[in-house]
C-alpha atoms as a PDB file:
ATOM      1  CA  GLY A   1     100.430  98.062 114.854  1.00  0.00           C
ATOM      2  CA  CYS A   2      97.954 100.276 112.926  1.00  0.00           C
ATOM      3  CA  PHE A   3      96.403 103.625 113.923  1.00  0.00           C
ATOM      4  CA  ALA A   4      94.010 106.113 112.882  1.00  0.00           C
ATOM      5  CA  ALA A   5      93.221 109.705 113.946  1.00  0.00           C
ATOM      6  CA  ASN A   6      90.926 108.467 116.555  1.00  0.00           C
ATOM      7  CA  GLY A   7      93.182 105.785 118.352  1.00  0.00           C
ATOM      8  CA  VAL A   8      95.496 102.785 117.965  1.00  0.00           C
ATOM      9  CA  GLY A   9      94.744  99.159 116.894  1.00  0.00           C
ATOM     10  CA  LEU A  10      95.908  96.029 117.796  1.00  0.00           C
ATOM     11  CA  LEU A  11      99.630  95.559 118.176  1.00  0.00           C
ATOM     12  CA  THR A  12     101.096  92.412 116.864  1.00  0.00           C
ATOM     13  CA  TRP A  13     104.382  90.713 118.083  1.00  0.00           C
ATOM     14  CA  ILE A  14     106.096  89.410 114.971  1.00  0.00           C
ATOM     15  CA  LYS A  15     108.898  87.008 115.629  1.00  0.00           C
ATOM     16  CA  GLY A  16     111.427  86.817 113.152  1.00  0.00           C
ATOM     17  CA  ILE A  17     110.929  87.661 109.262  1.00  0.00           C
ATOM     18  CA  MET A  18     107.387  88.041 108.180  1.00  0.00           C
ATOM     19  CA  PHE A  19     106.529  86.717 104.891  1.00  0.00           C
ATOM     20  CA  LYS A  20     103.200  87.597 102.900  1.00  0.00           C
ATOM     21  CA  GLU A  21     101.449  84.696 104.535  1.00  0.00           C
ATOM     22  CA  ASP A  22     102.368  86.218 107.810  1.00  0.00           C
ATOM     23  CA  TYR A  23     101.219  89.499 106.817  1.00  0.00           C
ATOM     24  CA  GLU A  24      97.705  88.289 105.601  1.00  0.00           C
ATOM     25  CA  GLU A  25      97.360  86.418 108.938  1.00  0.00           C
ATOM     26  CA  ILE A  26      97.964  89.900 110.597  1.00  0.00           C
ATOM     27  CA  LEU A  27      95.511  91.623 108.264  1.00  0.00           C
ATOM     28  CA  ASN A  28      92.960  89.058 109.336  1.00  0.00           C
ATOM     29  CA  SER A  29      93.719  88.780 112.934  1.00  0.00           C
ATOM     30  CA  SER A  30      94.896  92.319 113.792  1.00  0.00           C
ATOM     31  CA  MET A  31      94.197  94.952 111.323  1.00  0.00           C
ATOM     32  CA  MET A  32      90.248  93.874 110.338  1.00  0.00           C
ATOM     33  CA  PRO A  33      89.595  93.826 114.171  1.00  0.00           C
ATOM     34  CA  SER A  34      91.365  97.071 114.591  1.00  0.00           C
ATOM     35  CA  ALA A  35      89.477  98.703 111.705  1.00  0.00           C
ATOM     36  CA  HIS A  36      86.178  97.595 113.409  1.00  0.00           C
ATOM     37  CA  ILE A  37      87.124  99.036 116.553  1.00  0.00           C
ATOM     38  CA  LEU A  38      88.532 102.546 115.010  1.00  0.00           C
ATOM     39  CA  PHE A  39      85.833 102.755 112.264  1.00  0.00           C
ATOM     40  CA  GLY A  40      82.800 100.545 112.644  1.00  0.00           C
ATOM     41  CA  ASP A  41      81.317 100.054 109.434  1.00  0.00           C
ATOM     42  CA  SER A  42      82.531 103.227 108.069  1.00  0.00           C
ATOM     43  CA  LYS A  43      84.672 103.245 105.006  1.00  0.00           C
ATOM     44  CA  PHE A  44      88.707 103.962 105.475  1.00  0.00           C
ATOM     45  CA  ILE A  45      91.636 104.390 103.336  1.00  0.00           C
ATOM     46  CA  PHE A  46      94.564 101.738 104.338  1.00  0.00           C
ATOM     47  CA  GLN A  47      98.153 102.929 103.919  1.00  0.00           C
ATOM     48  CA  GLN A  48     100.774 100.602 103.850  1.00  0.00           C
ATOM     49  CA  ASP A  49     104.470 100.919 102.127  1.00  0.00           C
ATOM     50  CA  ASN A  50     105.705  99.181  99.257  1.00  0.00           C
ATOM     51  CA  ASP A  51     107.320  96.380 100.938  1.00  0.00           C
ATOM     52  CA  PRO A  52     107.181  93.480  98.395  1.00  0.00           C
ATOM     53  CA  LYS A  53     104.898  91.620 100.944  1.00  0.00           C
ATOM     54  CA  HIS A  54     102.408  94.470 100.834  1.00  0.00           C
ATOM     55  CA  THR A  55     102.306  94.635  97.394  1.00  0.00           C
ATOM     56  CA  SER A  56     102.261  90.969  96.581  1.00  0.00           C
ATOM     57  CA  LYS A  57      99.304  89.386  94.307  1.00  0.00           C
ATOM     58  CA  SER A  58      97.936  87.361  96.911  1.00  0.00           C
ATOM     59  CA  ILE A  59      97.697  90.592  99.410  1.00  0.00           C
ATOM     60  CA  THR A  60      96.772  92.954  96.547  1.00  0.00           C
ATOM     61  CA  ASN A  61      93.626  90.229  95.978  1.00  0.00           C
ATOM     62  CA  TRP A  62      93.074  89.994  99.618  1.00  0.00           C
ATOM     63  CA  PHE A  63      92.547  93.845  99.600  1.00  0.00           C
ATOM     64  CA  ALA A  64      90.093  93.857  96.994  1.00  0.00           C
ATOM     65  CA  ASN A  65      88.113  90.726  98.138  1.00  0.00           C
ATOM     66  CA  ASN A  66      87.603  92.954 101.666  1.00  0.00           C
ATOM     67  CA  ASN A  67      86.728  95.959  99.803  1.00  0.00           C
ATOM     68  CA  ILE A  68      89.422  97.841 101.242  1.00  0.00           C
ATOM     69  CA  GLU A  69      90.667 101.096  99.517  1.00  0.00           C
ATOM     70  CA  LYS A  70      94.368 101.483  99.534  1.00  0.00           C
ATOM     71  CA  LEU A  71      96.214 104.824  99.367  1.00  0.00           C
ATOM     72  CA  GLU A  72      98.530 104.920  96.536  1.00  0.00           C
ATOM     73  CA  TRP A  73     101.927 105.351  97.470  1.00  0.00           C
ATOM     74  CA  PRO A  74     105.367 106.615  95.818  1.00  0.00           C
ATOM     75  CA  VAL A  75     107.945 103.612  95.473  1.00  0.00           C
ATOM     76  CA  GLN A  76     110.225 105.350  98.019  1.00  0.00           C
ATOM     77  CA  SER A  77     108.563 107.778 100.188  1.00  0.00           C
ATOM     78  CA  LEU A  78     109.289 107.389 103.872  1.00  0.00           C
ATOM     79  CA  ASP A  79     108.298 111.019 104.370  1.00  0.00           C
ATOM     80  CA  LEU A  80     104.792 109.695 103.787  1.00  0.00           C
ATOM     81  CA  ASN A  81     104.691 106.815 106.222  1.00  0.00           C
ATOM     82  CA  LEU A  82     103.040 108.228 109.406  1.00  0.00           C
ATOM     83  CA  ILE A  83     103.627 104.762 111.535  1.00  0.00           C
ATOM     84  CA  GLU A  84     107.458 105.503 111.094  1.00  0.00           C
ATOM     85  CA  ASN A  85     106.993 108.790 113.104  1.00  0.00           C
ATOM     86  CA  LEU A  86     104.659 107.046 115.632  1.00  0.00           C
ATOM     87  CA  TRP A  87     107.379 104.266 116.160  1.00  0.00           C
ATOM     88  CA  SER A  88     110.053 106.848 116.870  1.00  0.00           C
ATOM     89  CA  ILE A  89     107.919 108.765 119.268  1.00  0.00           C
ATOM     90  CA  LEU A  90     107.074 105.495 121.196  1.00  0.00           C
ATOM     91  CA  ASP A  91     110.878 104.461 121.305  1.00  0.00           C
ATOM     92  CA  LYS A  92     111.544 107.825 122.827  1.00  0.00           C
ATOM     93  CA  ARG A  93     108.697 107.538 125.425  1.00  0.00           C
ATOM     94  CA  LEU A  94     110.232 103.997 126.200  1.00  0.00           C
ATOM     95  CA  ALA A  95     113.988 104.766 126.500  1.00  0.00           C
ATOM     96  CA  GLU A  96     114.271 104.671 130.004  1.00  0.00           C
ATOM     97  CA  ARG A  97     112.401 101.259 130.465  1.00  0.00           C
ATOM     98  CA  THR A  98     114.565  98.327 130.808  1.00  0.00           C
ATOM     99  CA  CYS A  99     113.330  94.896 130.064  1.00  0.00           C
ATOM    100  CA  ASN A 100     114.790  91.590 130.595  1.00  0.00           C
ATOM    101  CA  THR A 101     113.105  89.477 128.355  1.00  0.00           C
ATOM    102  CA  GLU A 102     111.293  89.753 125.133  1.00  0.00           C
ATOM    103  CA  GLU A 103     107.831  89.156 126.561  1.00  0.00           C
ATOM    104  CA  GLU A 104     108.541  91.969 129.136  1.00  0.00           C
ATOM    105  CA  LEU A 105     109.577  94.318 126.064  1.00  0.00           C
ATOM    106  CA  PHE A 106     106.522  93.458 124.300  1.00  0.00           C
ATOM    107  CA  LYS A 107     104.261  94.334 127.336  1.00  0.00           C
ATOM    108  CA  GLU A 108     106.025  97.644 127.745  1.00  0.00           C
ATOM    109  CA  LEU A 109     105.476  98.259 123.771  1.00  0.00           C
ATOM    110  CA  GLU A 110     101.774  97.389 123.957  1.00  0.00           C
ATOM    111  CA  LYS A 111     101.235  99.473 127.197  1.00  0.00           C
ATOM    112  CA  GLY A 112     103.257 102.486 125.417  1.00  0.00           C
ATOM    113  CA  TRP A 113     101.239 101.954 122.420  1.00  0.00           C
ATOM    114  CA  ASN A 114      97.718 101.953 124.024  1.00  0.00           C
ATOM    115  CA  ASP A 115      99.016 105.127 126.031  1.00  0.00           C
ATOM    116  CA  LEU A 116      99.533 107.158 122.901  1.00  0.00           C
ATOM    117  CA  PRO A 117      97.628 110.414 123.150  1.00  0.00           C
ATOM    118  CA  VAL A 118      94.823 110.657 120.381  1.00  0.00           C
ATOM    119  CA  ASP A 119      95.908 114.520 119.884  1.00  0.00           C
ATOM    120  CA  LEU A 120      99.281 113.041 118.949  1.00  0.00           C
ATOM    121  CA  LEU A 121      97.516 110.579 116.546  1.00  0.00           C
ATOM    122  CA  CYS A 122      95.361 113.303 115.100  1.00  0.00           C
ATOM    123  CA  ARG A 123      97.872 115.762 114.487  1.00  0.00           C
ATOM    124  CA  LEU A 124     100.097 112.984 112.407  1.00  0.00           C
ATOM    125  CA  VAL A 125      96.942 112.040 110.395  1.00  0.00           C
ATOM    126  CA  GLU A 126      96.104 115.858 109.713  1.00  0.00           C
ATOM    127  CA  SER A 127     100.101 116.307 108.575  1.00  0.00           C
ATOM    128  CA  MET A 128      99.372 113.861 105.558  1.00  0.00           C
ATOM    129  CA  PRO A 129      98.257 116.741 103.076  1.00  0.00           C
ATOM    130  CA  HIS A 130     101.130 118.542 103.903  1.00  0.00           C
ATOM    131  CA  ARG A 131     103.495 115.813 103.590  1.00  0.00           C
ATOM    132  CA  ILE A 132     101.923 114.671 100.369  1.00  0.00           C
ATOM    133  CA  ASN A 133     102.359 118.374  99.212  1.00  0.00           C
ATOM    134  CA  ALA A 134     106.202 118.643 100.228  1.00  0.00           C
ATOM    135  CA  CYS A 135     106.675 115.367  98.365  1.00  0.00           C
ATOM    136  CA  ILE A 136     105.215 116.692  95.071  1.00  0.00           C
ATOM    137  CA  ASP A 137     107.060 119.939  95.501  1.00  0.00           C
ATOM    138  CA  ASN A 138     110.303 117.910  96.249  1.00  0.00           C
ATOM    139  CA  LYS A 139     109.625 115.699  93.151  1.00  0.00           C
ATOM    140  CA  GLY A 140     109.732 112.789  95.332  1.00  0.00           C
ATOM    141  CA  GLY A 141     112.850 113.643  97.167  1.00  0.00           C
ATOM    142  CA  MET A 142     113.391 113.800 100.924  1.00  0.00           C
ATOM    143  CA  THR A 143     111.182 116.462 102.997  1.00  0.00           C
ATOM    144  CA  LYS A 144     111.278 118.186 106.386  1.00  0.00           C
ATOM    145  CA  TYR A 145     109.118 115.231 107.414  1.00  0.00           C
END
């Protein structure tokens, strides 16, 4: 999934291990339509972590070919990965739900994802400058985030 301060993008079900080819397909089939919904024709900066499939030559070329600016990112800085916070929040919101199949689970995740309040998303995005400064202050070490 992806999100911005003004809403969430499409959620994609990943079955098994994701490879760079799978990631490129997700960028094409989910991220690009989500970016269009969230930003229209406006420019945006894309954030992803340094997972090897995200930084592979083919994916780096994909971003260049699609004229998408990426946020430069320290090698190991989970404190800056806003979506990890969002997944944790979603997990807590759905903790009481019981699902019997993977399909039911994905439907619950998708409903919960689409129900995330915009003010929460906005607060997460607005926290980014503070997170970056805290990361710099701690010389890349862990922060309160």
